[in-house]
PDB file of all heavy atoms in Angstrom:
ATOM      1  N   MET A   1      68.599   1.291 116.748  1.00  0.00           N
ATOM      2  CA  MET A   1      68.292   2.882 116.862  1.00  0.00           C
ATOM      3  C   MET A   1      68.292   3.527 115.484  1.00  0.00           C
ATOM      4  O   MET A   1      67.435   4.408 115.230  1.00  0.00           O
ATOM      5  CB  MET A   1      69.311   3.451 117.763  1.00  0.00           C
ATOM      6  CG  MET A   1      69.140   4.956 117.977  1.00  0.00           C
ATOM      7  SD  MET A   1      70.382   5.643 119.018  1.00  0.00           S
ATOM      8  CE  MET A   1      69.930   5.024 120.619  1.00  0.00           C
ATOM      9  N   ALA A   2      69.289   3.131 114.690  1.00  0.00           N
ATOM     10  CA  ALA A   2      69.607   3.861 113.502  1.00  0.00           C
ATOM     11  C   ALA A   2      68.751   3.361 112.203  1.00  0.00           C
ATOM     12  O   ALA A   2      68.466   4.095 111.298  1.00  0.00           O
ATOM     13  CB  ALA A   2      71.059   3.721 113.096  1.00  0.00           C
ATOM     14  N   GLY A   3      68.304   2.125 112.462  1.00  0.00           N
ATOM     15  CA  GLY A   3      67.548   1.520 111.295  1.00  0.00           C
ATOM     16  C   GLY A   3      68.419   1.054 110.109  1.00  0.00           C
ATOM     17  O   GLY A   3      68.000   0.628 109.125  1.00  0.00           O
ATOM     18  N   PHE A   4      69.705   1.077 110.255  1.00  0.00           N
ATOM     19  CA  PHE A   4      70.685   0.473 109.378  1.00  0.00           C
ATOM     20  C   PHE A   4      71.785  -0.080 110.333  1.00  0.00           C
ATOM     21  O   PHE A   4      71.983   0.211 111.501  1.00  0.00           O
ATOM     22  CB  PHE A   4      71.342   1.550 108.523  1.00  0.00           C
ATOM     23  CG  PHE A   4      70.408   2.089 107.418  1.00  0.00           C
ATOM     24  CD1 PHE A   4      69.720   3.275 107.782  1.00  0.00           C
ATOM     25  CD2 PHE A   4      70.335   1.413 106.304  1.00  0.00           C
ATOM     26  CE1 PHE A   4      68.837   3.737 106.732  1.00  0.00           C
ATOM     27  CE2 PHE A   4      69.372   1.974 105.262  1.00  0.00           C
ATOM     28  CZ  PHE A   4      68.629   3.096 105.532  1.00  0.00           C
ATOM     29  N   PRO A   5      72.640  -1.135 109.661  1.00  0.00           N
ATOM     30  CA  PRO A   5      73.805  -1.588 110.530  1.00  0.00           C
ATOM     31  C   PRO A   5      74.758  -0.465 110.910  1.00  0.00           C
ATOM     32  O   PRO A   5      75.088   0.402 110.163  1.00  0.00           O
ATOM     33  CB  PRO A   5      74.423  -2.662 109.424  1.00  0.00           C
ATOM     34  CG  PRO A   5      73.276  -2.955 108.664  1.00  0.00           C
ATOM     35  CD  PRO A   5      72.558  -1.703 108.443  1.00  0.00           C
ATOM     36  N   VAL A   6      75.042  -0.502 112.185  1.00  0.00           N
ATOM     37  CA  VAL A   6      76.080   0.487 112.691  1.00  0.00           C
ATOM     38  C   VAL A   6      77.247  -0.275 113.331  1.00  0.00           C
ATOM     39  O   VAL A   6      77.039  -1.248 114.240  1.00  0.00           O
ATOM     40  CB  VAL A   6      75.445   1.366 113.842  1.00  0.00           C
ATOM     41  CG1 VAL A   6      76.574   2.420 114.385  1.00  0.00           C
ATOM     42  CG2 VAL A   6      74.314   2.252 113.098  1.00  0.00           C
ATOM     43  N   TYR A   7      78.465   0.150 113.011  1.00  0.00           N
ATOM     44  CA  TYR A   7      79.641  -0.670 113.478  1.00  0.00           C
ATOM     45  C   TYR A   7      80.550   0.358 114.120  1.00  0.00           C
ATOM     46  O   TYR A   7      80.668   1.621 113.812  1.00  0.00           O
ATOM     47  CB  TYR A   7      80.435  -1.158 112.141  1.00  0.00           C
ATOM     48  CG  TYR A   7      79.667  -2.035 111.364  1.00  0.00           C
ATOM     49  CD1 TYR A   7      78.683  -1.602 110.335  1.00  0.00           C
ATOM     50  CD2 TYR A   7      79.826  -3.518 111.313  1.00  0.00           C
ATOM     51  CE1 TYR A   7      77.924  -2.400 109.568  1.00  0.00           C
ATOM     52  CE2 TYR A   7      78.979  -4.394 110.485  1.00  0.00           C
ATOM     53  CZ  TYR A   7      78.134  -3.762 109.587  1.00  0.00           C
ATOM     54  OH  TYR A   7      77.465  -4.559 108.768  1.00  0.00           O
ATOM     55  N   LEU A   8      81.343  -0.167 114.948  1.00  0.00           N
ATOM     56  CA  LEU A   8      82.393   0.583 115.618  1.00  0.00           C
ATOM     57  C   LEU A   8      83.751   0.146 115.202  1.00  0.00           C
ATOM     58  O   LEU A   8      84.148  -1.042 115.334  1.00  0.00           O
ATOM     59  CB  LEU A   8      82.367   0.430 117.246  1.00  0.00           C
ATOM     60  CG  LEU A   8      81.173   0.781 117.992  1.00  0.00           C
ATOM     61  CD1 LEU A   8      81.330   0.566 119.504  1.00  0.00           C
ATOM     62  CD2 LEU A   8      80.723   2.238 117.635  1.00  0.00           C
ATOM     63  N   LYS A   9      84.485   1.073 114.658  1.00  0.00           N
ATOM     64  CA  LYS A   9      85.887   0.729 114.194  1.00  0.00           C
ATOM     65  C   LYS A   9      86.728   1.069 115.622  1.00  0.00           C
ATOM     66  O   LYS A   9      87.058   2.243 115.910  1.00  0.00           O
ATOM     67  CB  LYS A   9      86.383   1.806 113.082  1.00  0.00           C
ATOM     68  CG  LYS A   9      87.788   1.654 112.642  1.00  0.00           C
ATOM     69  CD  LYS A   9      88.105   0.254 112.163  1.00  0.00           C
ATOM     70  CE  LYS A   9      89.476   0.220 111.537  1.00  0.00           C
ATOM     71  NZ  LYS A   9      89.887  -1.203 111.148  1.00  0.00           N
ATOM     72  N   GLN A  10      87.266   0.052 116.144  1.00  0.00           N
ATOM     73  CA  GLN A  10      87.790   0.108 117.503  1.00  0.00           C
ATOM     74  C   GLN A  10      89.275   0.426 117.565  1.00  0.00           C
ATOM     75  O   GLN A  10      90.123  -0.449 117.928  1.00  0.00           O
ATOM     76  CB  GLN A  10      87.381  -1.213 118.255  1.00  0.00           C
ATOM     77  CG  GLN A  10      85.977  -1.413 118.316  1.00  0.00           C
ATOM     78  CD  GLN A  10      85.479  -2.480 119.197  1.00  0.00           C
ATOM     79  OE1 GLN A  10      86.261  -3.080 120.015  1.00  0.00           O
ATOM     80  NE2 GLN A  10      84.254  -3.050 119.009  1.00  0.00           N
ATOM     81  N   GLU A  11      89.644   1.568 117.373  1.00  0.00           N
ATOM     82  CA  GLU A  11      91.028   2.076 117.311  1.00  0.00           C
ATOM     83  C   GLU A  11      91.662   2.189 118.724  1.00  0.00           C
ATOM     84  O   GLU A  11      92.781   2.307 118.889  1.00  0.00           O
ATOM     85  CB  GLU A  11      91.192   3.348 116.734  1.00  0.00           C
ATOM     86  CG  GLU A  11      91.168   3.328 115.218  1.00  0.00           C
ATOM     87  CD  GLU A  11      92.327   2.666 114.509  1.00  0.00           C
ATOM     88  OE1 GLU A  11      93.394   3.077 114.730  1.00  0.00           O
ATOM     89  OE2 GLU A  11      92.021   1.577 114.070  1.00  0.00           O
ATOM     90  N   GLN A  12      90.705   2.001 119.865  1.00  0.00           N
ATOM     91  CA  GLN A  12      91.275   1.975 121.191  1.00  0.00           C
ATOM     92  C   GLN A  12      92.146   0.739 121.387  1.00  0.00           C
ATOM     93  O   GLN A  12      92.759   0.502 122.387  1.00  0.00           O
ATOM     94  CB  GLN A  12      90.179   2.046 122.270  1.00  0.00           C
ATOM     95  CG  GLN A  12      89.416   0.726 122.511  1.00  0.00           C
ATOM     96  CD  GLN A  12      88.322   0.515 121.548  1.00  0.00           C
ATOM     97  OE1 GLN A  12      88.232   1.047 120.462  1.00  0.00           O
ATOM     98  NE2 GLN A  12      87.513  -0.529 121.785  1.00  0.00           N
ATOM     99  N   ARG A  13      91.956  -0.236 120.502  1.00  0.00           N
ATOM    100  CA  ARG A  13      92.779  -1.529 120.563  1.00  0.00           C
ATOM    101  C   ARG A  13      94.169  -1.463 120.032  1.00  0.00           C
ATOM    102  O   ARG A  13      94.811  -2.455 120.012  1.00  0.00           O
ATOM    103  CB  ARG A  13      92.000  -2.688 119.891  1.00  0.00           C
ATOM    104  CG  ARG A  13      90.520  -2.874 120.419  1.00  0.00           C
ATOM    105  CD  ARG A  13      89.844  -4.074 119.918  1.00  0.00           C
ATOM    106  NE  ARG A  13      88.611  -4.212 120.459  1.00  0.00           N
ATOM    107  CZ  ARG A  13      88.216  -5.090 121.524  1.00  0.00           C
ATOM    108  NH1 ARG A  13      89.267  -5.472 122.224  1.00  0.00           N
ATOM    109  NH2 ARG A  13      87.107  -5.126 121.870  1.00  0.00           N
ATOM    110  N   GLN A  14      94.641  -0.292 119.597  1.00  0.00           N
ATOM    111  CA  GLN A  14      95.954  -0.135 119.170  1.00  0.00           C
ATOM    112  C   GLN A  14      96.992  -0.376 120.348  1.00  0.00           C
ATOM    113  O   GLN A  14      96.518  -0.126 121.506  1.00  0.00           O
ATOM    114  CB  GLN A  14      96.150   1.273 118.505  1.00  0.00           C
ATOM    115  CG  GLN A  14      95.565   1.376 117.181  1.00  0.00           C
ATOM    116  CD  GLN A  14      96.131   0.436 116.137  1.00  0.00           C
ATOM    117  OE1 GLN A  14      97.226  -0.269 116.219  1.00  0.00           O
ATOM    118  NE2 GLN A  14      95.367   0.462 114.938  1.00  0.00           N
ATOM    119  N   PRO A  15      98.177  -0.705 120.096  1.00  0.00           N
ATOM    120  CA  PRO A  15      99.110  -0.877 121.261  1.00  0.00           C
ATOM    121  C   PRO A  15      99.243   0.239 122.183  1.00  0.00           C
ATOM    122  O   PRO A  15      99.509   0.161 123.448  1.00  0.00           O
ATOM    123  CB  PRO A  15     100.388  -1.282 120.497  1.00  0.00           C
ATOM    124  CG  PRO A  15     100.069  -1.695 119.211  1.00  0.00           C
ATOM    125  CD  PRO A  15      98.835  -1.114 118.894  1.00  0.00           C
ATOM    126  N   THR A  16      99.101   1.479 121.572  1.00  0.00           N
ATOM    127  CA  THR A  16      99.174   2.798 122.486  1.00  0.00           C
ATOM    128  C   THR A  16      97.761   3.213 122.872  1.00  0.00           C
ATOM    129  O   THR A  16      97.601   4.361 123.370  1.00  0.00           O
ATOM    130  CB  THR A  16      99.913   3.850 121.813  1.00  0.00           C
ATOM    131  OG1 THR A  16      99.218   4.192 120.491  1.00  0.00           O
ATOM    132  CG2 THR A  16     101.403   3.462 121.551  1.00  0.00           C
ATOM    133  N   GLY A  17      96.697   2.556 122.462  1.00  0.00           N
ATOM    134  CA  GLY A  17      95.298   2.835 122.931  1.00  0.00           C
ATOM    135  C   GLY A  17      94.681   3.847 122.033  1.00  0.00           C
ATOM    136  O   GLY A  17      93.549   4.202 122.488  1.00  0.00           O
ATOM    137  N   ALA A  18      95.240   4.136 120.879  1.00  0.00           N
ATOM    138  CA  ALA A  18      94.549   5.035 119.966  1.00  0.00           C
ATOM    139  C   ALA A  18      95.032   4.994 118.586  1.00  0.00           C
ATOM    140  O   ALA A  18      96.304   4.578 118.370  1.00  0.00           O
ATOM    141  CB  ALA A  18      94.690   6.558 120.524  1.00  0.00           C
ATOM    142  N   PHE A  19      94.353   5.635 117.573  1.00  0.00           N
ATOM    143  CA  PHE A  19      94.777   5.583 116.224  1.00  0.00           C
ATOM    144  C   PHE A  19      96.111   6.376 115.944  1.00  0.00           C
ATOM    145  O   PHE A  19      96.727   6.131 114.996  1.00  0.00           O
ATOM    146  CB  PHE A  19      93.721   6.286 115.385  1.00  0.00           C
ATOM    147  CG  PHE A  19      93.604   7.762 115.569  1.00  0.00           C
ATOM    148  CD1 PHE A  19      94.304   8.618 114.698  1.00  0.00           C
ATOM    149  CD2 PHE A  19      92.921   8.296 116.594  1.00  0.00           C
ATOM    150  CE1 PHE A  19      94.200  10.046 114.784  1.00  0.00           C
ATOM    151  CE2 PHE A  19      92.882   9.618 116.771  1.00  0.00           C
ATOM    152  CZ  PHE A  19      93.613  10.589 115.841  1.00  0.00           C
ATOM    153  N   LYS A  20      96.547   7.261 116.799  1.00  0.00           N
ATOM    154  CA  LYS A  20      97.654   8.156 116.662  1.00  0.00           C
ATOM    155  C   LYS A  20      98.978   7.321 116.292  1.00  0.00           C
ATOM    156  O   LYS A  20      99.820   7.854 115.711  1.00  0.00           O
ATOM    157  CB  LYS A  20      97.831   9.004 117.831  1.00  0.00           C
ATOM    158  CG  LYS A  20      96.725  10.029 118.198  1.00  0.00           C
ATOM    159  CD  LYS A  20      96.870  11.298 117.260  1.00  0.00           C
ATOM    160  CE  LYS A  20      96.068  12.354 117.726  1.00  0.00           C
ATOM    161  NZ  LYS A  20      96.244  13.492 116.783  1.00  0.00           N
ATOM    162  N   LEU A  21      99.093   6.208 116.670  1.00  0.00           N
ATOM    163  CA  LEU A  21     100.186   5.237 116.375  1.00  0.00           C
ATOM    164  C   LEU A  21     100.504   5.292 114.873  1.00  0.00           C
ATOM    165  O   LEU A  21     101.687   5.171 114.408  1.00  0.00           O
ATOM    166  CB  LEU A  21     100.028   3.842 116.852  1.00  0.00           C
ATOM    167  CG  LEU A  21     100.951   2.840 116.375  1.00  0.00           C
ATOM    168  CD1 LEU A  21     102.447   3.271 116.945  1.00  0.00           C
ATOM    169  CD2 LEU A  21     100.681   1.462 117.071  1.00  0.00           C
ATOM    170  N   ARG A  22      99.386   5.183 114.025  1.00  0.00           N
ATOM    171  CA  ARG A  22      99.551   5.159 112.556  1.00  0.00           C
ATOM    172  C   ARG A  22     100.232   6.335 112.010  1.00  0.00           C
ATOM    173  O   ARG A  22     101.260   6.049 111.227  1.00  0.00           O
ATOM    174  CB  ARG A  22      98.155   4.966 112.044  1.00  0.00           C
ATOM    175  CG  ARG A  22      97.333   3.778 112.398  1.00  0.00           C
ATOM    176  CD  ARG A  22      95.903   3.880 111.889  1.00  0.00           C
ATOM    177  NE  ARG A  22      95.035   2.799 112.428  1.00  0.00           N
ATOM    178  CZ  ARG A  22      94.822   1.777 111.669  1.00  0.00           C
ATOM    179  NH1 ARG A  22      95.311   1.555 110.402  1.00  0.00           N
ATOM    180  NH2 ARG A  22      93.964   0.701 112.128  1.00  0.00           N
ATOM    181  N   GLY A  23      99.923   7.623 112.276  1.00  0.00           N
ATOM    182  CA  GLY A  23     100.545   8.668 111.809  1.00  0.00           C
ATOM    183  C   GLY A  23     101.936   8.815 112.377  1.00  0.00           C
ATOM    184  O   GLY A  23     102.845   9.256 111.664  1.00  0.00           O
ATOM    185  N   ALA A  24     102.058   8.651 113.681  1.00  0.00           N
ATOM    186  CA  ALA A  24     103.409   8.891 114.255  1.00  0.00           C
ATOM    187  C   ALA A  24     104.492   7.842 113.625  1.00  0.00           C
ATOM    188  O   ALA A  24     105.537   8.251 113.460  1.00  0.00           O
ATOM    189  CB  ALA A  24     103.329   8.649 115.742  1.00  0.00           C
ATOM    190  N   TRP A  25     104.062   6.693 113.603  1.00  0.00           N
ATOM    191  CA  TRP A  25     105.031   5.604 112.971  1.00  0.00           C
ATOM    192  C   TRP A  25     105.379   6.227 111.554  1.00  0.00           C
ATOM    193  O   TRP A  25     106.533   6.009 111.169  1.00  0.00           O
ATOM    194  CB  TRP A  25     104.464   4.230 112.969  1.00  0.00           C
ATOM    195  CG  TRP A  25     105.373   3.198 112.472  1.00  0.00           C
ATOM    196  CD1 TRP A  25     105.462   2.750 111.317  1.00  0.00           C
ATOM    197  CD2 TRP A  25     106.494   2.647 113.186  1.00  0.00           C
ATOM    198  NE1 TRP A  25     106.514   1.811 111.062  1.00  0.00           N
ATOM    199  CE2 TRP A  25     107.087   1.720 112.319  1.00  0.00           C
ATOM    200  CE3 TRP A  25     106.857   2.605 114.504  1.00  0.00           C
ATOM    201  CZ2 TRP A  25     108.207   1.014 112.826  1.00  0.00           C
ATOM    202  CZ3 TRP A  25     107.938   1.895 114.927  1.00  0.00           C
ATOM    203  CH2 TRP A  25     108.612   0.994 114.054  1.00  0.00           C
ATOM    204  N   ASN A  26     104.426   6.369 110.822  1.00  0.00           N
ATOM    205  CA  ASN A  26     104.619   6.800 109.425  1.00  0.00           C
ATOM    206  C   ASN A  26     105.598   8.101 109.347  1.00  0.00           C
ATOM    207  O   ASN A  26     106.527   8.074 108.451  1.00  0.00           O
ATOM    208  CB  ASN A  26     103.403   7.050 108.670  1.00  0.00           C
ATOM    209  CG  ASN A  26     103.511   7.234 107.117  1.00  0.00           C
ATOM    210  OD1 ASN A  26     104.051   6.358 106.441  1.00  0.00           O
ATOM    211  ND2 ASN A  26     103.062   8.187 106.478  1.00  0.00           N
ATOM    212  N   ALA A  27     105.381   9.054 110.227  1.00  0.00           N
ATOM    213  CA  ALA A  27     106.202  10.224 110.144  1.00  0.00           C
ATOM    214  C   ALA A  27     107.642   9.947 110.490  1.00  0.00           C
ATOM    215  O   ALA A  27     108.527  10.322 109.874  1.00  0.00           O
ATOM    216  CB  ALA A  27     105.525  11.245 111.082  1.00  0.00           C
ATOM    217  N   LEU A  28     107.748   9.121 111.540  1.00  0.00           N
ATOM    218  CA  LEU A  28     109.125   8.858 112.008  1.00  0.00           C
ATOM    219  C   LEU A  28     109.961   7.938 110.942  1.00  0.00           C
ATOM    220  O   LEU A  28     111.076   8.185 110.730  1.00  0.00           O
ATOM    221  CB  LEU A  28     109.161   8.115 113.356  1.00  0.00           C
ATOM    222  CG  LEU A  28     109.446   9.035 114.588  1.00  0.00           C
ATOM    223  CD1 LEU A  28     108.299   9.933 114.738  1.00  0.00           C
ATOM    224  CD2 LEU A  28     109.713   8.238 115.772  1.00  0.00           C
ATOM    225  N   THR A  29     109.179   6.979 110.370  1.00  0.00           N
ATOM    226  CA  THR A  29     109.958   6.201 109.420  1.00  0.00           C
ATOM    227  C   THR A  29     110.263   6.863 108.124  1.00  0.00           C
ATOM    228  O   THR A  29     111.272   6.536 107.419  1.00  0.00           O
ATOM    229  CB  THR A  29     109.126   4.827 109.041  1.00  0.00           C
ATOM    230  OG1 THR A  29     107.812   5.284 108.620  1.00  0.00           O
ATOM    231  CG2 THR A  29     108.834   3.947 110.276  1.00  0.00           C
ATOM    232  N   ARG A  30     109.575   8.006 107.812  1.00  0.00           N
ATOM    233  CA  ARG A  30     109.724   8.751 106.568  1.00  0.00           C
ATOM    234  C   ARG A  30     110.802   9.969 106.839  1.00  0.00           C
ATOM    235  O   ARG A  30     110.997  10.659 105.925  1.00  0.00           O
ATOM    236  CB  ARG A  30     108.515   9.222 105.970  1.00  0.00           C
ATOM    237  CG  ARG A  30     107.659   7.967 105.446  1.00  0.00           C
ATOM    238  CD  ARG A  30     106.376   8.500 104.747  1.00  0.00           C
ATOM    239  NE  ARG A  30     106.740   9.265 103.493  1.00  0.00           N
ATOM    240  CZ  ARG A  30     107.123   8.930 102.371  1.00  0.00           C
ATOM    241  NH1 ARG A  30     107.436   7.662 102.085  1.00  0.00           N
ATOM    242  NH2 ARG A  30     107.369   9.832 101.413  1.00  0.00           N
ATOM    243  N   MET A  31     111.100  10.112 108.125  1.00  0.00           N
ATOM    244  CA  MET A  31     112.007  11.255 108.440  1.00  0.00           C
ATOM    245  C   MET A  31     113.458  11.014 107.990  1.00  0.00           C
ATOM    246  O   MET A  31     113.829   9.856 107.858  1.00  0.00           O
ATOM    247  CB  MET A  31     111.977  11.488 110.018  1.00  0.00           C
ATOM    248  CG  MET A  31     112.568  12.617 110.478  1.00  0.00           C
ATOM    249  SD  MET A  31     112.508  12.702 112.329  1.00  0.00           S
ATOM    250  CE  MET A  31     110.616  12.878 112.482  1.00  0.00           C
ATOM    251  N   ASP A  32     114.072  12.145 107.761  1.00  0.00           N
ATOM    252  CA  ASP A  32     115.515  11.877 107.385  1.00  0.00           C
ATOM    253  C   ASP A  32     116.328  11.136 108.556  1.00  0.00           C
ATOM    254  O   ASP A  32     116.191  11.599 109.694  1.00  0.00           O
ATOM    255  CB  ASP A  32     116.108  13.324 107.237  1.00  0.00           C
ATOM    256  CG  ASP A  32     117.801  13.222 107.079  1.00  0.00           C
ATOM    257  OD1 ASP A  32     118.119  12.909 105.900  1.00  0.00           O
ATOM    258  OD2 ASP A  32     118.457  13.666 107.903  1.00  0.00           O
ATOM    259  N   PRO A  33     117.022  10.170 108.223  1.00  0.00           N
ATOM    260  CA  PRO A  33     117.507   9.260 109.276  1.00  0.00           C
ATOM    261  C   PRO A  33     118.520  10.157 110.313  1.00  0.00           C
ATOM    262  O   PRO A  33     118.480   9.796 111.377  1.00  0.00           O
ATOM    263  CB  PRO A  33     118.385   8.175 108.508  1.00  0.00           C
ATOM    264  CG  PRO A  33     117.777   8.101 107.085  1.00  0.00           C
ATOM    265  CD  PRO A  33     117.185   9.516 106.893  1.00  0.00           C
ATOM    266  N   ALA A  34     119.159  11.052 109.608  1.00  0.00           N
ATOM    267  CA  ALA A  34     120.199  11.789 110.561  1.00  0.00           C
ATOM    268  C   ALA A  34     119.395  12.598 111.491  1.00  0.00           C
ATOM    269  O   ALA A  34     119.722  12.700 112.576  1.00  0.00           O
ATOM    270  CB  ALA A  34     121.031  12.701 109.647  1.00  0.00           C
ATOM    271  N   ALA A  35     118.261  13.193 111.031  1.00  0.00           N
ATOM    272  CA  ALA A  35     117.412  13.990 111.877  1.00  0.00           C
ATOM    273  C   ALA A  35     116.735  13.288 112.941  1.00  0.00           C
ATOM    274  O   ALA A  35     116.826  13.554 114.102  1.00  0.00           O
ATOM    275  CB  ALA A  35     116.305  14.700 111.067  1.00  0.00           C
ATOM    276  N   ARG A  36     116.364  11.941 112.549  1.00  0.00           N
ATOM    277  CA  ARG A  36     115.555  11.106 113.496  1.00  0.00           C
ATOM    278  C   ARG A  36     116.648  10.646 114.613  1.00  0.00           C
ATOM    279  O   ARG A  36     116.272  10.600 115.754  1.00  0.00           O
ATOM    280  CB  ARG A  36     115.048   9.841 112.710  1.00  0.00           C
ATOM    281  CG  ARG A  36     114.309   9.003 113.707  1.00  0.00           C
ATOM    282  CD  ARG A  36     113.609   7.829 112.904  1.00  0.00           C
ATOM    283  NE  ARG A  36     114.597   7.142 112.071  1.00  0.00           N
ATOM    284  CZ  ARG A  36     114.471   6.818 110.772  1.00  0.00           C
ATOM    285  NH1 ARG A  36     113.677   7.409 110.107  1.00  0.00           N
ATOM    286  NH2 ARG A  36     115.605   6.132 110.212  1.00  0.00           N
ATOM    287  N   ALA A  37     117.779  10.386 114.148  1.00  0.00           N
ATOM    288  CA  ALA A  37     118.900   9.793 115.189  1.00  0.00           C
ATOM    289  C   ALA A  37     119.124  10.857 116.228  1.00  0.00           C
ATOM    290  O   ALA A  37     119.465  10.461 117.434  1.00  0.00           O
ATOM    291  CB  ALA A  37     120.157   9.471 114.451  1.00  0.00           C
ATOM    292  N   ARG A  38     118.913  12.192 115.970  1.00  0.00           N
ATOM    293  CA  ARG A  38     119.088  13.203 117.067  1.00  0.00           C
ATOM    294  C   ARG A  38     118.030  13.253 118.030  1.00  0.00           C
ATOM    295  O   ARG A  38     118.117  13.874 119.172  1.00  0.00           O
ATOM    296  CB  ARG A  38     119.361  14.647 116.419  1.00  0.00           C
ATOM    297  CG  ARG A  38     120.657  14.676 115.614  1.00  0.00           C
ATOM    298  CD  ARG A  38     120.880  16.156 115.255  1.00  0.00           C
ATOM    299  NE  ARG A  38     119.851  16.682 114.312  1.00  0.00           N
ATOM    300  CZ  ARG A  38     120.183  16.705 112.925  1.00  0.00           C
ATOM    301  NH1 ARG A  38     121.179  15.942 112.409  1.00  0.00           N
ATOM    302  NH2 ARG A  38     119.152  17.070 112.081  1.00  0.00           N
ATOM    303  N   GLY A  39     116.925  12.674 117.701  1.00  0.00           N
ATOM    304  CA  GLY A  39     115.819  12.583 118.622  1.00  0.00           C
ATOM    305  C   GLY A  39     114.484  13.478 118.158  1.00  0.00           C
ATOM    306  O   GLY A  39     114.831  14.228 117.257  1.00  0.00           O
ATOM    307  N   VAL A  40     113.437  13.187 118.677  1.00  0.00           N
ATOM    308  CA  VAL A  40     112.228  13.838 118.213  1.00  0.00           C
ATOM    309  C   VAL A  40     111.483  14.466 119.433  1.00  0.00           C
ATOM    310  O   VAL A  40     111.673  14.165 120.546  1.00  0.00           O
ATOM    311  CB  VAL A  40     111.218  12.875 117.576  1.00  0.00           C
ATOM    312  CG1 VAL A  40     111.902  12.290 116.203  1.00  0.00           C
ATOM    313  CG2 VAL A  40     110.790  11.690 118.441  1.00  0.00           C
ATOM    314  N   ILE A  41     110.634  15.383 119.115  1.00  0.00           N
ATOM    315  CA  ILE A  41     109.788  16.197 120.128  1.00  0.00           C
ATOM    316  C   ILE A  41     108.508  16.455 119.467  1.00  0.00           C
ATOM    317  O   ILE A  41     108.349  16.542 118.277  1.00  0.00           O
ATOM    318  CB  ILE A  41     110.416  17.379 120.532  1.00  0.00           C
ATOM    319  CG1 ILE A  41     109.648  18.023 121.817  1.00  0.00           C
ATOM    320  CG2 ILE A  41     110.610  18.409 119.431  1.00  0.00           C
ATOM    321  CD1 ILE A  41     110.401  19.149 122.458  1.00  0.00           C
ATOM    322  N   THR A  42     107.386  16.323 120.405  1.00  0.00           N
ATOM    323  CA  THR A  42     106.114  16.629 119.881  1.00  0.00           C
ATOM    324  C   THR A  42     105.330  17.353 121.051  1.00  0.00           C
ATOM    325  O   THR A  42     105.731  17.373 122.122  1.00  0.00           O
ATOM    326  CB  THR A  42     105.235  15.364 119.392  1.00  0.00           C
ATOM    327  OG1 THR A  42     104.099  15.958 118.603  1.00  0.00           O
ATOM    328  CG2 THR A  42     104.857  14.535 120.565  1.00  0.00           C
ATOM    329  N   TYR A  43     104.129  17.958 120.703  1.00  0.00           N
ATOM    330  CA  TYR A  43     103.261  18.636 121.579  1.00  0.00           C
ATOM    331  C   TYR A  43     101.960  17.988 121.481  1.00  0.00           C
ATOM    332  O   TYR A  43     101.379  17.739 120.318  1.00  0.00           O
ATOM    333  CB  TYR A  43     103.200  20.100 121.356  1.00  0.00           C
ATOM    334  CG  TYR A  43     102.987  20.391 119.866  1.00  0.00           C
ATOM    335  CD1 TYR A  43     101.732  20.865 119.392  1.00  0.00           C
ATOM    336  CD2 TYR A  43     104.092  20.431 119.015  1.00  0.00           C
ATOM    337  CE1 TYR A  43     101.495  21.144 118.015  1.00  0.00           C
ATOM    338  CE2 TYR A  43     103.898  20.761 117.732  1.00  0.00           C
ATOM    339  CZ  TYR A  43     102.701  21.121 117.226  1.00  0.00           C
ATOM    340  OH  TYR A  43     102.501  21.449 115.829  1.00  0.00           O
ATOM    341  N   SER A  44     101.398  17.530 122.666  1.00  0.00           N
ATOM    342  CA  SER A  44     100.238  16.536 122.513  1.00  0.00           C
ATOM    343  C   SER A  44      99.448  16.677 123.849  1.00  0.00           C
ATOM    344  O   SER A  44     100.018  16.668 124.893  1.00  0.00           O
ATOM    345  CB  SER A  44     100.679  15.244 122.339  1.00  0.00           C
ATOM    346  OG  SER A  44      99.765  14.264 122.461  1.00  0.00           O
TER     347      SER A  44
END
C-alpha cells in the first residue's frame, strides 16, 4: 500500500500488554528507596 517497507513494532507483546512497562519500571527503580518502600500510586 505504501510503496516502501512498513513494519509493526509490536509493543503489545510486553508482559503487561503495552509499552508502559518500560517507563514504569524505570521510574520505580530510580525512585528514592525509602519513598518506594512506602508504596506507590498512579492515575491511569
